[in-house]
Each structure stands twice: as structure tokens, then as C-alpha cells.
Protein backbone atom coordinates (compact mmCIF):
# COMPACT_ATOMS: atom_id res chain seq x y z
CA ILE A 1 0.00 0.00 0.00
CA PRO A 2 1.50 3.37 -0.93
CA ALA A 3 2.59 5.42 2.09
CA LYS A 4 0.43 8.39 1.06
CA ILE A 5 -2.70 6.23 1.19
CA VAL A 6 -1.76 4.95 4.65
CA ALA A 7 -1.09 8.51 5.85
CA GLY A 8 -4.42 9.73 4.48
CA ALA A 9 -6.33 6.83 6.02
CA LEU A 10 -4.84 7.74 9.40
CA GLY A 11 -5.79 11.40 9.01
CA PHE A 12 -2.33 12.74 8.15
CA ASP A 13 -1.20 14.70 5.13
CA ALA A 14 1.65 13.68 2.82
CA LYS A 15 4.03 16.59 3.59
CA GLY A 16 6.64 14.35 5.27
CA ILE A 17 6.48 11.79 2.49
CA ASP A 18 6.80 14.49 -0.17
CA LYS A 19 9.78 16.00 1.69
CA ALA A 20 11.52 12.60 1.90
CA LEU A 21 11.00 12.02 -1.83
CA GLU A 22 12.32 15.49 -2.62
CA ASP A 23 15.39 15.11 -0.40
CA LEU A 24 16.17 11.67 -1.84
CA GLU A 25 15.89 12.96 -5.42
CA GLY A 26 13.92 9.92 -6.56
CA ARG A 27 16.06 7.30 -4.81
CA PRO A 28 14.05 4.57 -3.07
CA TYR A 29 13.38 4.71 0.65
CA VAL A 30 12.03 2.40 3.31
CA TRP A 31 9.27 3.39 5.67
CA ALA A 32 8.74 1.16 8.67
CA THR A 33 7.13 1.79 12.03
CA GLU A 34 10.25 0.41 13.69
CA PHE A 35 12.15 3.49 12.48
CA GLU A 36 9.73 5.92 14.06
CA ASN A 37 10.28 7.43 17.47
CA VAL A 38 6.60 7.77 18.43
CA HIS A 39 4.68 4.50 18.60
CA THR A 40 1.27 5.63 19.81
CA THR A 41 -0.18 4.91 16.37
CA TRP A 42 1.78 1.73 15.66
CA ASP A 43 2.00 -1.61 17.43
CA PHE A 44 5.75 -1.95 17.98
CA PRO A 45 7.39 -2.80 21.30
CA GLU A 46 10.31 -0.39 21.70
CA PRO A 47 13.26 -2.32 23.16
CA GLU A 48 15.33 -1.12 26.11
CA ILE A 49 18.88 -0.32 24.98
CA THR A 50 22.27 -0.14 26.65
CA VAL A 51 24.94 2.28 25.45
CA LEU A 52 28.35 2.43 27.15
CA GLY A 53 26.90 0.72 30.22
CA ASN A 54 23.95 3.13 30.54
CA VAL A 55 20.45 1.67 30.20
CA TYR A 56 17.75 3.65 28.38
CA ALA A 57 14.05 2.82 28.14
CA CYS A 58 14.16 3.30 24.36
CA THR A 59 16.08 5.00 21.58
CA GLU A 60 14.07 8.18 22.07
CA SER A 61 15.19 8.51 25.71
CA PHE A 62 18.80 7.81 24.67
CA PHE A 63 18.57 10.42 21.91
CA HIS A 64 17.30 13.14 24.25
CA ALA A 65 19.91 12.25 26.88
CA GLN A 66 22.60 13.13 24.34
CA LYS A 67 21.55 16.77 24.13
CA PRO A 68 24.12 19.17 25.58
CA VAL A 69 23.38 20.71 28.97
CA PRO A 70 22.91 23.63 28.98
CA PHE A 71 21.29 23.21 25.59
CA ASP A 72 23.30 24.63 22.71
CA GLU A 73 21.56 24.33 19.36
CA SER A 74 24.75 24.44 17.27
CA LYS A 75 26.41 21.70 19.35
CA TRP A 76 23.28 19.57 19.21
CA PHE A 77 22.91 20.08 15.46
CA SER A 78 26.45 18.82 14.92
CA ARG A 79 25.99 15.64 17.00
CA ARG A 80 22.34 14.65 16.61
CA ILE A 81 22.80 12.41 13.54
CA ALA A 82 25.64 10.48 15.19
CA ALA A 83 23.52 10.10 18.34
CA MET A 84 20.60 8.74 16.34
CA ARG A 85 22.87 6.26 14.54
CA VAL A 86 24.19 4.93 17.85
CA GLY A 87 20.68 4.63 19.27
CA LEU A 88 19.30 2.89 16.19
CA ARG A 89 22.25 0.51 16.03
CA GLN A 90 21.54 -0.53 19.63
CA LYS A 91 17.81 -0.76 18.93
CA PHE A 92 18.44 -3.21 16.11
CA LEU A 93 20.90 -5.21 18.18
CA HIS A 94 18.47 -5.56 21.12
CA SER A 95 15.32 -6.54 19.23
CA GLU A 96 15.07 -9.77 17.25
CA HIS A 97 12.21 -8.33 15.20
CA SER A 98 14.29 -5.26 14.36
CA ARG A 99 17.33 -7.40 13.47
CA GLU A 100 15.19 -9.42 11.06
CA LEU A 101 13.97 -6.21 9.41
CA LEU A 102 17.49 -4.84 9.19
CA ASP A 103 18.73 -8.10 7.63
CA LEU A 104 16.07 -7.76 4.95
CA LEU A 105 17.11 -4.17 4.23
CA VAL A 106 20.83 -4.83 3.88
CA SER A 107 20.70 -8.19 2.09
């Protein structure tokens, strides 16, 4: 089912989808609920993750814990992508379902 139809059926517009397509300049992309950080709409159990010995309830809590204190937007902007990559890597390592999805994507 095309993502725009799913978005419309759930009462959302297609702005995010259109932006992704524009940014990717026509290259294919994967949309999966496991990649989202808010799961109130989707049935996906977010796994607890451990990074450098610290335990986080989910990738979202890890991601926010990486923000500089006091908050500095320029510092955060320069490190947020790396933080998300670390969190997602741990998410996929800690969840068998996520590992199976990742295996499908990279095979």
C-alpha cells in the first residue's frame, strides 16, 4: 500500500512523504514503524537499549539524553545524527524483530 494512502487513512497529510521524496531525489526509501520514534499509532514494542553501560528505556530517551546541557543548538545540530545512529544501532541489536527487518534491508 503506498505510504500516502496509509497517511491519508490515518488522518495525516503527505508533507513528510513528499519532503523525503524530494530530499532523496527519486532514490528509493524504506518506511517502517520500527524506524519511528513515536509509537502511539503503531504496534511496535520499543526495546530497552544499553549504550556504554547506561540503560535507556528506548532510543528516544537515549537520543534526548545526548543533548548538551545547557542546551546549545549548534552543538546539538552537529551531534544529533551520530547520536541517532548509535541509538538505532543498539535498537536493532536488542530486538530480534528489528534485526530481522534490518537483515532484509541490507541483504
